[in-house]
Amino acid sequence: MAKIIDVANHPVLVHCNYGKHRTACVISCLRKMQGWKLSDIIDEYRLYADPKARPLDEDFTQQYEPRSIIQIALEASVDRWEGQ
C-alpha cells in the first residue's frame, strides 16, 4: 500500500488475472485509507466482483487496519484524492 499511495509512483495500475478479487482487495484497502464508509467500500467491491464476490474478501476488507502506513497516507493526502 505504501508504494501505491506514494505520489512519486503515480500513475499506478493495479491489476490481477481478471481485475476482480485481488485488485478489489487492494482498492478496498485504499478506500479505507481514504475514509470511505465500509458499506460503500463493500458496495464498490460487489459492483466489480459480481457475480463472484467472495465473502472472504469482504471479511479481509472489514478487518484491514492501515495503522502501519497511516502516516504515509496522511502525508499523501489520500483522503482528498478524486474518485469517491
Protein backbone atom coordinates (compact mmCIF):
# COMPACT_ATOMS: atom_id res chain seq x y z
CA MET A 1 0.00 0.00 0.00
CA ALA A 2 2.85 2.38 0.72
CA LYS A 3 4.02 2.09 -2.90
CA ILE A 4 0.52 2.73 -4.21
CA ILE A 5 -0.12 5.85 -2.15
CA ASP A 6 3.31 7.36 -2.79
CA VAL A 7 2.55 10.05 -5.39
CA ALA A 8 6.10 9.67 -6.73
CA ASN A 9 4.90 6.34 -8.16
CA HIS A 10 1.79 7.74 -9.86
CA PRO A 11 0.08 6.88 -12.04
CA VAL A 12 -0.35 3.37 -10.67
CA LEU A 13 -2.06 0.47 -12.41
CA VAL A 14 -3.43 -2.19 -10.06
CA HIS A 15 -4.43 -5.43 -11.72
CA CYS A 16 -4.60 -9.19 -11.39
CA ASN A 17 -5.67 -12.01 -13.73
CA TYR A 18 -9.27 -10.85 -14.04
CA GLY A 19 -9.17 -7.48 -12.31
CA LYS A 20 -11.70 -8.52 -9.72
CA HIS A 21 -10.64 -10.15 -6.50
CA ARG A 22 -7.03 -9.31 -5.68
CA THR A 23 -7.40 -5.95 -7.37
CA ALA A 24 -10.59 -5.31 -5.43
CA CYS A 25 -8.91 -6.15 -2.12
CA VAL A 26 -6.11 -3.69 -2.78
CA ILE A 27 -8.53 -0.95 -3.83
CA SER A 28 -10.73 -1.70 -0.80
CA CYS A 29 -7.73 -1.08 1.46
CA LEU A 30 -7.07 2.18 -0.36
CA ARG A 31 -10.71 3.21 0.11
CA LYS A 32 -10.38 2.59 3.85
CA MET A 33 -7.40 4.93 3.94
CA GLN A 34 -9.45 7.49 2.02
CA GLY A 35 -12.07 7.41 4.76
CA TRP A 36 -14.86 5.73 2.80
CA LYS A 37 -17.66 4.14 4.81
CA LEU A 38 -17.34 0.36 4.97
CA SER A 39 -20.76 -0.12 3.37
CA ASP A 40 -19.66 1.99 0.37
CA ILE A 41 -16.42 0.03 0.06
CA ILE A 42 -18.29 -3.29 0.07
CA ASP A 43 -20.82 -1.94 -2.45
CA GLU A 44 -18.00 -0.94 -4.80
CA TYR A 45 -16.31 -4.33 -4.34
CA ARG A 46 -19.54 -6.16 -5.19
CA LEU A 47 -20.12 -3.96 -8.23
CA TYR A 48 -16.86 -5.10 -9.80
CA ALA A 49 -16.53 -8.61 -8.32
CA ASP A 50 -20.02 -9.84 -9.20
CA PRO A 51 -21.16 -12.42 -9.99
CA LYS A 52 -18.36 -13.99 -7.94
CA ALA A 53 -17.98 -11.72 -4.92
CA ARG A 54 -16.14 -13.56 -2.18
CA PRO A 55 -17.18 -13.31 1.48
CA LEU A 56 -13.54 -13.83 2.48
CA ASP A 57 -12.54 -10.71 0.52
CA GLU A 58 -15.25 -8.73 2.31
CA ASP A 59 -14.04 -10.08 5.66
CA PHE A 60 -10.49 -9.04 4.80
CA THR A 61 -11.69 -5.53 3.96
CA GLN A 62 -13.57 -5.25 7.24
CA GLN A 63 -10.54 -6.36 9.24
CA TYR A 64 -7.89 -4.36 7.38
CA GLU A 65 -6.35 -1.65 9.54
CA PRO A 66 -3.86 0.66 7.83
CA ARG A 67 -2.14 1.63 11.11
CA SER A 68 1.31 0.74 9.84
CA ILE A 69 1.14 3.21 6.95
CA ILE A 70 -1.33 5.80 8.22
CA GLN A 71 1.37 8.49 8.43
CA ILE A 72 2.30 7.90 4.79
CA ALA A 73 -1.38 8.09 3.85
CA LEU A 74 -1.79 11.39 5.68
CA GLU A 75 1.27 12.86 4.00
CA ALA A 76 -0.06 11.75 0.60
CA SER A 77 -3.48 13.29 1.41
CA VAL A 78 -5.27 10.16 0.16
CA ASP A 79 -8.49 11.41 1.72
CA ARG A 80 -8.60 14.17 -0.91
CA TRP A 81 -7.96 12.01 -3.97
CA GLU A 82 -10.72 12.01 -6.53
CA GLY A 83 -12.90 9.02 -7.22
CA GLN A 84 -15.00 8.97 -4.08
